[in-house]
PDB file of N, CA and C in Angstrom:
ATOM      1  N   MET A   1      31.041  -0.253  -9.949  1.00  0.00           N
ATOM      2  CA  MET A   1      31.427  -0.434  -8.557  1.00  0.00           C
ATOM      3  C   MET A   1      31.142   0.824  -7.733  1.00  0.00           C
ATOM      4  N   THR A   2      31.426   2.001  -8.313  1.00  0.00           N
ATOM      5  CA  THR A   2      31.176   3.235  -7.560  1.00  0.00           C
ATOM      6  C   THR A   2      29.686   3.456  -7.355  1.00  0.00           C
ATOM      7  N   GLU A   3      28.840   2.970  -8.292  1.00  0.00           N
ATOM      8  CA  GLU A   3      27.392   3.083  -8.115  1.00  0.00           C
ATOM      9  C   GLU A   3      26.950   2.282  -6.895  1.00  0.00           C
ATOM     10  N   LEU A   4      27.535   1.125  -6.713  1.00  0.00           N
ATOM     11  CA  LEU A   4      27.220   0.299  -5.556  1.00  0.00           C
ATOM     12  C   LEU A   4      27.620   1.011  -4.262  1.00  0.00           C
ATOM     13  N   ALA A   5      28.739   1.691  -4.294  1.00  0.00           N
ATOM     14  CA  ALA A   5      29.194   2.437  -3.117  1.00  0.00           C
ATOM     15  C   ALA A   5      28.211   3.539  -2.763  1.00  0.00           C
ATOM     16  N   PHE A   6      27.654   4.218  -3.766  1.00  0.00           N
ATOM     17  CA  PHE A   6      26.687   5.283  -3.512  1.00  0.00           C
ATOM     18  C   PHE A   6      25.380   4.734  -2.950  1.00  0.00           C
ATOM     19  N   ILE A   7      25.058   3.496  -3.268  1.00  0.00           N
ATOM     20  CA  ILE A   7      23.855   2.871  -2.728  1.00  0.00           C
ATOM     21  C   ILE A   7      24.099   2.379  -1.304  1.00  0.00           C
ATOM     22  N   LEU A   8      25.256   1.792  -1.061  1.00  0.00           N
ATOM     23  CA  LEU A   8      25.550   1.229   0.255  1.00  0.00           C
ATOM     24  C   LEU A   8      25.908   2.279   1.297  1.00  0.00           C
ATOM     25  N   LEU A   9      26.485   3.389   0.881  1.00  0.00           N
ATOM     26  CA  LEU A   9      26.901   4.425   1.826  1.00  0.00           C
ATOM     27  C   LEU A   9      25.735   4.957   2.666  1.00  0.00           C
ATOM     28  N   PRO A  10      24.587   5.315   2.061  1.00  0.00           N
ATOM     29  CA  PRO A  10      23.473   5.790   2.905  1.00  0.00           C
ATOM     30  C   PRO A  10      22.976   4.715   3.871  1.00  0.00           C
ATOM     31  N   VAL A  11      22.983   3.467   3.418  1.00  0.00           N
ATOM     32  CA  VAL A  11      22.554   2.377   4.294  1.00  0.00           C
ATOM     33  C   VAL A  11      23.488   2.274   5.490  1.00  0.00           C
ATOM     34  N   LEU A  12      24.785   2.352   5.245  1.00  0.00           N
ATOM     35  CA  LEU A  12      25.758   2.289   6.337  1.00  0.00           C
ATOM     36  C   LEU A  12      25.619   3.486   7.274  1.00  0.00           C
ATOM     37  N   LEU A  13      25.368   4.664   6.707  1.00  0.00           N
ATOM     38  CA  LEU A  13      25.229   5.861   7.543  1.00  0.00           C
ATOM     39  C   LEU A  13      24.011   5.780   8.447  1.00  0.00           C
ATOM     40  N   LEU A  14      23.004   5.057   8.046  1.00  0.00           N
ATOM     41  CA  LEU A  14      21.822   4.873   8.892  1.00  0.00           C
ATOM     42  C   LEU A  14      21.971   3.661   9.813  1.00  0.00           C
ATOM     43  N   ALA A  15      22.696   2.635   9.368  1.00  0.00           N
ATOM     44  CA  ALA A  15      22.832   1.414  10.160  1.00  0.00           C
ATOM     45  C   ALA A  15      23.734   1.620  11.378  1.00  0.00           C
ATOM     46  N   VAL A  16      24.773   2.399  11.242  1.00  0.00           N
ATOM     47  CA  VAL A  16      25.708   2.602  12.359  1.00  0.00           C
ATOM     48  C   VAL A  16      25.008   3.202  13.578  1.00  0.00           C
ATOM     49  N   PRO A  17      24.196   4.278  13.425  1.00  0.00           N
ATOM     50  CA  PRO A  17      23.498   4.794  14.610  1.00  0.00           C
ATOM     51  C   PRO A  17      22.547   3.773  15.233  1.00  0.00           C
ATOM     52  N   VAL A  18      21.915   2.948  14.406  1.00  0.00           N
ATOM     53  CA  VAL A  18      21.009   1.931  14.938  1.00  0.00           C
ATOM     54  C   VAL A  18      21.789   0.932  15.784  1.00  0.00           C
ATOM     55  N   VAL A  19      22.937   0.491  15.303  1.00  0.00           N
ATOM     56  CA  VAL A  19      23.770  -0.452  16.058  1.00  0.00           C
ATOM     57  C   VAL A  19      24.203   0.177  17.383  1.00  0.00           C
ATOM     58  N   LEU A  20      24.600   1.437  17.346  1.00  0.00           N
ATOM     59  CA  LEU A  20      25.016   2.117  18.573  1.00  0.00           C
ATOM     60  C   LEU A  20      23.862   2.235  19.562  1.00  0.00           C
ATOM     61  N   LEU A  21      22.663   2.505  19.068  1.00  0.00           N
ATOM     62  CA  LEU A  21      21.497   2.608  19.949  1.00  0.00           C
ATOM     63  C   LEU A  21      21.154   1.255  20.571  1.00  0.00           C
ATOM     64  N   VAL A  22      21.271   0.187  19.792  1.00  0.00           N
ATOM     65  CA  VAL A  22      20.996  -1.151  20.328  1.00  0.00           C
ATOM     66  C   VAL A  22      22.012  -1.488  21.407  1.00  0.00           C
ATOM     67  N   ARG A  23      23.260  -1.167  21.176  1.00  0.00           N
ATOM     68  CA  ARG A  23      24.288  -1.411  22.201  1.00  0.00           C
ATOM     69  C   ARG A  23      24.011  -0.591  23.458  1.00  0.00           C
ATOM     70  N   ALA A  24      23.616   0.662  23.261  1.00  0.00           N
ATOM     71  CA  ALA A  24      23.301   1.517  24.407  1.00  0.00           C
ATOM     72  C   ALA A  24      22.115   0.971  25.177  1.00  0.00           C
ATOM     73  N   ALA A  25      21.172   0.395  24.457  1.00  0.00           N
ATOM     74  CA  ALA A  25      19.972  -0.140  25.110  1.00  0.00           C
ATOM     75  C   ALA A  25      20.291  -1.327  26.004  1.00  0.00           C
ATOM     76  N   ARG A  26      21.377  -2.003  25.733  1.00  0.00           N
ATOM     77  CA  ARG A  26      21.758  -3.152  26.553  1.00  0.00           C
ATOM     78  C   ARG A  26      22.498  -2.738  27.826  1.00  0.00           C
ATOM     79  N   ARG A  27      22.901  -1.473  27.887  1.00  0.00           N
ATOM     80  CA  ARG A  27      23.587  -0.991  29.076  1.00  0.00           C
ATOM     81  C   ARG A  27      22.598  -0.816  30.216  1.00  0.00           C
ATOM     82  N   PRO A  28      23.056  -0.981  31.451  1.00  0.00           N
ATOM     83  CA  PRO A  28      22.169  -0.760  32.591  1.00  0.00           C
ATOM     84  C   PRO A  28      21.614   0.658  32.576  1.00  0.00           C
ATOM     85  N   GLY A  29      20.369   0.790  32.973  1.00  0.00           N
ATOM     86  CA  GLY A  29      19.759   2.105  33.050  1.00  0.00           C
ATOM     87  C   GLY A  29      18.830   2.402  31.894  1.00  0.00           C
ATOM     88  N   TRP A  30      18.915   1.669  30.797  1.00  0.00           N
ATOM     89  CA  TRP A  30      18.033   1.878  29.655  1.00  0.00           C
ATOM     90  C   TRP A  30      16.866   0.901  29.748  1.00  0.00           C
ATOM     91  N   THR A  31      15.674   1.404  29.471  1.00  0.00           N
ATOM     92  CA  THR A  31      14.494   0.559  29.520  1.00  0.00           C
ATOM     93  C   THR A  31      13.556   0.891  28.368  1.00  0.00           C
ATOM     94  N   ARG A  32      12.756  -0.078  27.970  1.00  0.00           N
ATOM     95  CA  ARG A  32      11.780   0.111  26.894  1.00  0.00           C
ATOM     96  C   ARG A  32      10.459   0.549  27.516  1.00  0.00           C
ATOM     97  N   ILE A  33       9.915   1.653  26.997  1.00  0.00           N
ATOM     98  CA  ILE A  33       8.614   2.136  27.458  1.00  0.00           C
ATOM     99  C   ILE A  33       7.792   2.598  26.254  1.00  0.00           C
ATOM    100  N   GLU A  34       6.496   2.774  26.486  1.00  0.00           N
ATOM    101  CA  GLU A  34       5.629   3.268  25.411  1.00  0.00           C
ATOM    102  C   GLU A  34       5.507   4.781  25.509  1.00  0.00           C
ATOM    103  N   ALA A  35       5.565   5.427  24.366  1.00  0.00           N
ATOM    104  CA  ALA A  35       5.411   6.879  24.282  1.00  0.00           C
ATOM    105  C   ALA A  35       4.310   7.182  23.277  1.00  0.00           C
ATOM    106  N   ARG A  36       3.893   8.428  23.224  1.00  0.00           N
ATOM    107  CA  ARG A  36       2.905   8.895  22.245  1.00  0.00           C
ATOM    108  C   ARG A  36       3.581   9.901  21.324  1.00  0.00           C
ATOM    109  N   ILE A  37       3.307   9.776  20.045  1.00  0.00           N
ATOM    110  CA  ILE A  37       3.881  10.692  19.065  1.00  0.00           C
ATOM    111  C   ILE A  37       3.142  12.021  19.152  1.00  0.00           C
ATOM    112  N   VAL A  38       3.896  13.109  19.337  1.00  0.00           N
ATOM    113  CA  VAL A  38       3.297  14.446  19.416  1.00  0.00           C
ATOM    114  C   VAL A  38       3.580  15.270  18.158  1.00  0.00           C
ATOM    115  N   ALA A  39       4.554  14.860  17.375  1.00  0.00           N
ATOM    116  CA  ALA A  39       4.855  15.521  16.099  1.00  0.00           C
ATOM    117  C   ALA A  39       5.642  14.536  15.241  1.00  0.00           C
ATOM    118  N   ALA A  40       5.439  14.624  13.927  1.00  0.00           N
ATOM    119  CA  ALA A  40       6.152  13.746  12.998  1.00  0.00           C
ATOM    120  C   ALA A  40       6.455  14.533  11.724  1.00  0.00           C
ATOM    121  N   ARG A  41       7.636  14.282  11.183  1.00  0.00           N
ATOM    122  CA  ARG A  41       8.023  14.948   9.940  1.00  0.00           C
ATOM    123  C   ARG A  41       8.902  14.012   9.127  1.00  0.00           C
ATOM    124  N   LEU A  42       9.125  14.394   7.893  1.00  0.00           N
ATOM    125  CA  LEU A  42       9.958  13.626   6.986  1.00  0.00           C
ATOM    126  C   LEU A  42      11.399  14.092   7.119  1.00  0.00           C
ATOM    127  N   GLY A  43      12.295  13.171   7.401  1.00  0.00           N
ATOM    128  CA  GLY A  43      13.722  13.490   7.440  1.00  0.00           C
ATOM    129  C   GLY A  43      14.382  12.963   6.181  1.00  0.00           C
ATOM    130  N   GLU A  44      15.532  13.500   5.872  1.00  0.00           N
ATOM    131  CA  GLU A  44      16.236  13.003   4.695  1.00  0.00           C
ATOM    132  C   GLU A  44      17.734  13.006   4.927  1.00  0.00           C
ATOM    133  N   ASN A  45      18.373  12.048   4.290  1.00  0.00           N
ATOM    134  CA  ASN A  45      19.814  11.907   4.341  1.00  0.00           C
ATOM    135  C   ASN A  45      20.291  11.891   2.898  1.00  0.00           C
ATOM    136  N   ASP A  46      20.907  12.959   2.461  1.00  0.00           N
ATOM    137  CA  ASP A  46      21.366  13.099   1.082  1.00  0.00           C
ATOM    138  C   ASP A  46      22.874  12.911   1.065  1.00  0.00           C
ATOM    139  N   THR A  47      23.315  11.761   0.558  1.00  0.00           N
ATOM    140  CA  THR A  47      24.745  11.464   0.535  1.00  0.00           C
ATOM    141  C   THR A  47      25.263  11.321  -0.885  1.00  0.00           C
ATOM    142  N   GLY A  48      24.749  12.128  -1.770  1.00  0.00           N
ATOM    143  CA  GLY A  48      25.236  12.061  -3.149  1.00  0.00           C
ATOM    144  C   GLY A  48      24.118  11.714  -4.105  1.00  0.00           C
ATOM    145  N   SER A  49      24.242  10.565  -4.758  1.00  0.00           N
ATOM    146  CA  SER A  49      23.275  10.205  -5.797  1.00  0.00           C
ATOM    147  C   SER A  49      21.987   9.590  -5.244  1.00  0.00           C
ATOM    148  N   VAL A  50      22.007   9.111  -4.010  1.00  0.00           N
ATOM    149  CA  VAL A  50      20.827   8.466  -3.427  1.00  0.00           C
ATOM    150  C   VAL A  50      20.396   9.233  -2.187  1.00  0.00           C
ATOM    151  N   THR A  51      19.142   9.671  -2.176  1.00  0.00           N
ATOM    152  CA  THR A  51      18.592  10.326  -0.997  1.00  0.00           C
ATOM    153  C   THR A  51      17.696   9.331  -0.283  1.00  0.00           C
ATOM    154  N   GLN A  52      17.896   9.182   0.990  1.00  0.00           N
ATOM    155  CA  GLN A  52      17.075   8.298   1.819  1.00  0.00           C
ATOM    156  C   GLN A  52      16.169   9.151   2.688  1.00  0.00           C
ATOM    157  N   TYR A  53      14.911   8.757   2.793  1.00  0.00           N
ATOM    158  CA  TYR A  53      13.935   9.460   3.618  1.00  0.00           C
ATOM    159  C   TYR A  53      13.547   8.561   4.779  1.00  0.00           C
ATOM    160  N   PHE A  54      13.207   9.169   5.908  1.00  0.00           N
ATOM    161  CA  PHE A  54      12.835   8.405   7.097  1.00  0.00           C
ATOM    162  C   PHE A  54      11.975   9.284   7.991  1.00  0.00           C
ATOM    163  N   PRO A  55      11.124   8.655   8.837  1.00  0.00           N
ATOM    164  CA  PRO A  55      10.327   9.431   9.780  1.00  0.00           C
ATOM    165  C   PRO A  55      11.204  10.015  10.885  1.00  0.00           C
ATOM    166  N   VAL A  56      10.878  11.217  11.303  1.00  0.00           N
ATOM    167  CA  VAL A  56      11.519  11.855  12.458  1.00  0.00           C
ATOM    168  C   VAL A  56      10.389  12.206  13.415  1.00  0.00           C
ATOM    169  N   LEU A  57      10.471  11.681  14.635  1.00  0.00           N
ATOM    170  CA  LEU A  57       9.369  11.800  15.588  1.00  0.00           C
ATOM    171  C   LEU A  57       9.751  12.599  16.823  1.00  0.00           C
ATOM    172  N   SER A  58       8.781  13.317  17.344  1.00  0.00           N
ATOM    173  CA  SER A  58       8.873  13.893  18.681  1.00  0.00           C
ATOM    174  C   SER A  58       7.835  13.141  19.511  1.00  0.00           C
ATOM    175  N   VAL A  59       8.242  12.689  20.693  1.00  0.00           N
ATOM    176  CA  VAL A  59       7.364  11.835  21.499  1.00  0.00           C
ATOM    177  C   VAL A  59       7.268  12.353  22.929  1.00  0.00           C
ATOM    178  N   ALA A  60       6.129  12.063  23.553  1.00  0.00           N
ATOM    179  CA  ALA A  60       5.921  12.387  24.972  1.00  0.00           C
ATOM    180  C   ALA A  60       5.796  11.065  25.728  1.00  0.00           C
ATOM    181  N   TYR A  61       6.355  11.037  26.924  1.00  0.00           N
ATOM    182  CA  TYR A  61       6.320   9.814  27.724  1.00  0.00           C
ATOM    183  C   TYR A  61       6.453  10.167  29.197  1.00  0.00           C
ATOM    184  N   VAL A  62       6.132   9.195  30.027  1.00  0.00           N
ATOM    185  CA  VAL A  62       6.251   9.373  31.474  1.00  0.00           C
ATOM    186  C   VAL A  62       7.220   8.316  31.980  1.00  0.00           C
ATOM    187  N   ILE A  63       8.209   8.778  32.734  1.00  0.00           N
ATOM    188  CA  ILE A  63       9.158   7.860  33.351  1.00  0.00           C
ATOM    189  C   ILE A  63       9.500   8.379  34.736  1.00  0.00           C
ATOM    190  N   GLY A  64       9.443   7.506  35.712  1.00  0.00           N
ATOM    191  CA  GLY A  64       9.702   7.910  37.086  1.00  0.00           C
ATOM    192  C   GLY A  64       8.704   8.941  37.585  1.00  0.00           C
ATOM    193  N   GLY A  65       7.483   8.883  37.051  1.00  0.00           N
ATOM    194  CA  GLY A  65       6.453   9.827  37.464  1.00  0.00           C
ATOM    195  C   GLY A  65       6.598  11.216  36.856  1.00  0.00           C
ATOM    196  N   MET A  66       7.579  11.396  35.994  1.00  0.00           N
ATOM    197  CA  MET A  66       7.807  12.699  35.366  1.00  0.00           C
ATOM    198  C   MET A  66       7.494  12.634  33.880  1.00  0.00           C
ATOM    199  N   GLU A  67       6.798  13.656  33.387  1.00  0.00           N
ATOM    200  CA  GLU A  67       6.519  13.746  31.960  1.00  0.00           C
ATOM    201  C   GLU A  67       7.748  14.286  31.241  1.00  0.00           C
ATOM    202  N   GLN A  68       8.049  13.664  30.113  1.00  0.00           N
ATOM    203  CA  GLN A  68       9.202  14.057  29.303  1.00  0.00           C
ATOM    204  C   GLN A  68       8.767  14.190  27.850  1.00  0.00           C
ATOM    205  N   VAL A  69       9.502  14.968  27.083  1.00  0.00           N
ATOM    206  CA  VAL A  69       9.310  15.065  25.639  1.00  0.00           C
ATOM    207  C   VAL A  69      10.680  14.930  24.997  1.00  0.00           C
ATOM    208  N   ALA A  70      10.783  14.028  24.038  1.00  0.00           N
ATOM    209  CA  ALA A  70      12.017  13.870  23.271  1.00  0.00           C
ATOM    210  C   ALA A  70      11.740  14.354  21.851  1.00  0.00           C
ATOM    211  N   LEU A  71      12.581  15.229  21.358  1.00  0.00           N
ATOM    212  CA  LEU A  71      12.375  15.843  20.047  1.00  0.00           C
ATOM    213  C   LEU A  71      13.268  15.218  18.983  1.00  0.00           C
ATOM    214  N   ASP A  72      12.735  15.119  17.788  1.00  0.00           N
ATOM    215  CA  ASP A  72      13.497  14.753  16.583  1.00  0.00           C
ATOM    216  C   ASP A  72      14.260  13.432  16.701  1.00  0.00           C
ATOM    217  N   LEU A  73      13.529  12.370  17.002  1.00  0.00           N
ATOM    218  CA  LEU A  73      14.124  11.037  17.051  1.00  0.00           C
ATOM    219  C   LEU A  73      13.952  10.375  15.687  1.00  0.00           C
ATOM    220  N   PRO A  74      15.045  10.023  14.997  1.00  0.00           N
ATOM    221  CA  PRO A  74      14.912   9.394  13.679  1.00  0.00           C
ATOM    222  C   PRO A  74      14.506   7.927  13.809  1.00  0.00           C
ATOM    223  N   VAL A  75      13.720   7.464  12.847  1.00  0.00           N
ATOM    224  CA  VAL A  75      13.345   6.047  12.759  1.00  0.00           C
ATOM    225  C   VAL A  75      14.118   5.484  11.568  1.00  0.00           C
ATOM    226  N   ALA A  76      15.377   5.167  11.802  1.00  0.00           N
ATOM    227  CA  ALA A  76      16.289   4.776  10.724  1.00  0.00           C
ATOM    228  C   ALA A  76      15.863   3.483  10.039  1.00  0.00           C
ATOM    229  N   ARG A  77      15.224   2.582  10.765  1.00  0.00           N
ATOM    230  CA  ARG A  77      14.852   1.293  10.169  1.00  0.00           C
ATOM    231  C   ARG A  77      13.777   1.452   9.081  1.00  0.00           C
ATOM    232  N   GLU A  78      13.112   2.605   9.040  1.00  0.00           N
ATOM    233  CA  GLU A  78      12.083   2.867   8.025  1.00  0.00           C
ATOM    234  C   GLU A  78      12.641   3.691   6.862  1.00  0.00           C
ATOM    235  N   SER A  79      13.951   3.747   6.725  1.00  0.00           N
ATOM    236  CA  SER A  79      14.591   4.521   5.658  1.00  0.00           C
ATOM    237  C   SER A  79      14.242   3.939   4.288  1.00  0.00           C
ATOM    238  N   HIS A  80      13.945   4.822   3.341  1.00  0.00           N
ATOM    239  CA  HIS A  80      13.572   4.381   1.995  1.00  0.00           C
ATOM    240  C   HIS A  80      13.833   5.521   1.004  1.00  0.00           C
ATOM    241  N   PRO A  81      14.202   5.201  -0.241  1.00  0.00           N
ATOM    242  CA  PRO A  81      14.446   6.264  -1.219  1.00  0.00           C
ATOM    243  C   PRO A  81      13.169   6.909  -1.759  1.00  0.00           C
ATOM    244  N   ASP A  82      12.002   6.331  -1.485  1.00  0.00           N
ATOM    245  CA  ASP A  82      10.736   6.881  -1.966  1.00  0.00           C
ATOM    246  C   ASP A  82      10.094   7.729  -0.865  1.00  0.00           C
ATOM    247  N   ALA A  83      10.129   9.044  -1.027  1.00  0.00           N
ATOM    248  CA  ALA A  83       9.593   9.961  -0.012  1.00  0.00           C
ATOM    249  C   ALA A  83       8.102   9.738   0.205  1.00  0.00           C
ATOM    250  N   ARG A  84       7.364   9.402  -0.856  1.00  0.00           N
ATOM    251  CA  ARG A  84       5.911   9.180  -0.708  1.00  0.00           C
ATOM    252  C   ARG A  84       5.621   8.006   0.207  1.00  0.00           C
ATOM    253  N   ARG A  85       6.407   6.968   0.085  1.00  0.00           N
ATOM    254  CA  ARG A  85       6.215   5.785   0.938  1.00  0.00           C
ATOM    255  C   ARG A  85       6.419   6.156   2.410  1.00  0.00           C
ATOM    256  N   VAL A  86       7.470   6.881   2.680  1.00  0.00           N
ATOM    257  CA  VAL A  86       7.766   7.279   4.060  1.00  0.00           C
ATOM    258  C   VAL A  86       6.735   8.288   4.558  1.00  0.00           C
ATOM    259  N   ARG A  87       6.324   9.215   3.699  1.00  0.00           N
ATOM    260  CA  ARG A  87       5.300  10.193   4.072  1.00  0.00           C
ATOM    261  C   ARG A  87       4.001   9.480   4.477  1.00  0.00           C
ATOM    262  N   GLY A  88       3.698   8.362   3.837  1.00  0.00           N
ATOM    263  CA  GLY A  88       2.530   7.566   4.188  1.00  0.00           C
ATOM    264  C   GLY A  88       2.613   7.009   5.605  1.00  0.00           C
ATOM    265  N   LEU A  89       3.817   6.728   6.061  1.00  0.00           N
ATOM    266  CA  LEU A  89       3.996   6.244   7.433  1.00  0.00           C
ATOM    267  C   LEU A  89       3.652   7.323   8.457  1.00  0.00           C
ATOM    268  N   LEU A  90       3.805   8.597   8.060  1.00  0.00           N
ATOM    269  CA  LEU A  90       3.552   9.706   8.981  1.00  0.00           C
ATOM    270  C   LEU A  90       2.063   9.906   9.256  1.00  0.00           C
ATOM    271  N   THR A  91       1.220   9.333   8.421  1.00  0.00           N
ATOM    272  CA  THR A  91      -0.219   9.402   8.675  1.00  0.00           C
ATOM    273  C   THR A  91      -0.755   8.051   9.139  1.00  0.00           C
ATOM    274  N   GLY A  92       0.086   7.033   9.113  1.00  0.00           N
ATOM    275  CA  GLY A  92      -0.296   5.693   9.540  1.00  0.00           C
ATOM    276  C   GLY A  92       0.318   5.358  10.886  1.00  0.00           C
ATOM    277  N   PRO A  93       1.239   4.405  10.899  1.00  0.00           N
ATOM    278  CA  PRO A  93       1.800   3.938  12.172  1.00  0.00           C
ATOM    279  C   PRO A  93       2.604   4.990  12.945  1.00  0.00           C
ATOM    280  N   TYR A  94       3.085   6.025  12.254  1.00  0.00           N
ATOM    281  CA  TYR A  94       3.850   7.075  12.925  1.00  0.00           C
ATOM    282  C   TYR A  94       3.100   8.409  12.926  1.00  0.00           C
ATOM    283  N   GLY A  95       1.773   8.342  12.899  1.00  0.00           N
ATOM    284  CA  GLY A  95       0.962   9.554  12.938  1.00  0.00           C
ATOM    285  C   GLY A  95       0.879  10.139  14.339  1.00  0.00           C
ATOM    286  N   VAL A  96       0.570  11.422  14.432  1.00  0.00           N
ATOM    287  CA  VAL A  96       0.432  12.095  15.729  1.00  0.00           C
ATOM    288  C   VAL A  96      -0.638  11.370  16.552  1.00  0.00           C
ATOM    289  N   GLY A  97      -0.298  11.076  17.799  1.00  0.00           N
ATOM    290  CA  GLY A  97      -1.198  10.381  18.707  1.00  0.00           C
ATOM    291  C   GLY A  97      -0.971   8.879  18.784  1.00  0.00           C
ATOM    292  N   ALA A  98      -0.238   8.329  17.820  1.00  0.00           N
ATOM    293  CA  ALA A  98       0.014   6.888  17.808  1.00  0.00           C
ATOM    294  C   ALA A  98       1.039   6.508  18.881  1.00  0.00           C
ATOM    295  N   PRO A  99       0.909   5.295  19.423  1.00  0.00           N
ATOM    296  CA  PRO A  99       1.909   4.827  20.390  1.00  0.00           C
ATOM    297  C   PRO A  99       3.160   4.345  19.660  1.00  0.00           C
ATOM    298  N   VAL A 100       4.288   4.474  20.316  1.00  0.00           N
ATOM    299  CA  VAL A 100       5.552   3.988  19.768  1.00  0.00           C
ATOM    300  C   VAL A 100       6.435   3.587  20.943  1.00  0.00           C
ATOM    301  N   ASP A 101       7.158   2.482  20.791  1.00  0.00           N
ATOM    302  CA  ASP A 101       8.094   2.059  21.827  1.00  0.00           C
ATOM    303  C   ASP A 101       9.387   2.846  21.696  1.00  0.00           C
ATOM    304  N   ILE A 102       9.900   3.285  22.839  1.00  0.00           N
ATOM    305  CA  ILE A 102      11.179   3.984  22.862  1.00  0.00           C
ATOM    306  C   ILE A 102      12.085   3.316  23.882  1.00  0.00           C
ATOM    307  N   LEU A 103      13.350   3.589  23.773  1.00  0.00           N
ATOM    308  CA  LEU A 103      14.322   3.202  24.780  1.00  0.00           C
ATOM    309  C   LEU A 103      14.679   4.473  25.535  1.00  0.00           C
ATOM    310  N   CYS A 104      14.577   4.407  26.852  1.00  0.00           N
ATOM    311  CA  CYS A 104      14.794   5.596  27.668  1.00  0.00           C
ATOM    312  C   CYS A 104      15.848   5.297  28.721  1.00  0.00           C
ATOM    313  N   ASN A 105      16.697   6.269  28.966  1.00  0.00           N
ATOM    314  CA  ASN A 105      17.728   6.138  29.980  1.00  0.00           C
ATOM    315  C   ASN A 105      17.131   6.567  31.319  1.00  0.00           C
ATOM    316  N   THR A 106      16.975   5.633  32.247  1.00  0.00           N
ATOM    317  CA  THR A 106      16.360   5.958  33.533  1.00  0.00           C
ATOM    318  C   THR A 106      17.243   6.879  34.370  1.00  0.00           C
ATOM    319  N   ARG A 107      18.525   6.917  34.088  1.00  0.00           N
ATOM    320  CA  ARG A 107      19.433   7.814  34.817  1.00  0.00           C
ATOM    321  C   ARG A 107      19.375   9.233  34.270  1.00  0.00           C
ATOM    322  N   SER A 108      19.049   9.357  32.999  1.00  0.00           N
ATOM    323  CA  SER A 108      18.854  10.655  32.342  1.00  0.00           C
ATOM    324  C   SER A 108      17.562  10.558  31.546  1.00  0.00           C
ATOM    325  N   PRO A 109      16.405  10.752  32.205  1.00  0.00           N
ATOM    326  CA  PRO A 109      15.110  10.492  31.562  1.00  0.00           C
ATOM    327  C   PRO A 109      14.853  11.293  30.288  1.00  0.00           C
ATOM    328  N   GLU A 110      15.567  12.366  30.071  1.00  0.00           N
ATOM    329  CA  GLU A 110      15.368  13.157  28.857  1.00  0.00           C
ATOM    330  C   GLU A 110      16.035  12.508  27.643  1.00  0.00           C
ATOM    331  N   ARG A 111      16.862  11.496  27.856  1.00  0.00           N
ATOM    332  CA  ARG A 111      17.542  10.793  26.757  1.00  0.00           C
ATOM    333  C   ARG A 111      16.688   9.609  26.316  1.00  0.00           C
ATOM    334  N   ALA A 112      16.374   9.588  25.029  1.00  0.00           N
ATOM    335  CA  ALA A 112      15.544   8.507  24.497  1.00  0.00           C
ATOM    336  C   ALA A 112      15.894   8.264  23.037  1.00  0.00           C
ATOM    337  N   SER A 113      15.487   7.099  22.549  1.00  0.00           N
ATOM    338  CA  SER A 113      15.618   6.764  21.138  1.00  0.00           C
ATOM    339  C   SER A 113      14.477   5.821  20.773  1.00  0.00           C
ATOM    340  N   ILE A 114      14.163   5.761  19.507  1.00  0.00           N
ATOM    341  CA  ILE A 114      13.115   4.869  19.041  1.00  0.00           C
ATOM    342  C   ILE A 114      13.616   3.431  19.178  1.00  0.00           C
ATOM    343  N   ALA A 115      12.797   2.573  19.766  1.00  0.00           N
ATOM    344  CA  ALA A 115      13.191   1.170  19.984  1.00  0.00           C
ATOM    345  C   ALA A 115      13.102   0.375  18.695  1.00  0.00           C
TER     346      ALA A 115
END
């Protein structure tokens, strides 16, 4: 039973921020826009016996005619215990220069999250 808890705990720790971001995205002022990845790295969440890896992106975007850069946005939905698998995403769909959808707060354009 405790082994199951160690497996589910990292999933819950990543799922809660995603749920909060989705709720925030439904609030007035948040909009979905396309950004370009300017930097990507491997992030990790070590909660005991299971380490989860995920892409962490820095993106550039334009909103309201102003250029913005958001640093270190985690892509929690791509979390996986195999670092090689996630590292492969950093040269593929999450490689530098690739487009990515983000959620941006039009009232505070510097606030963003991966959609």
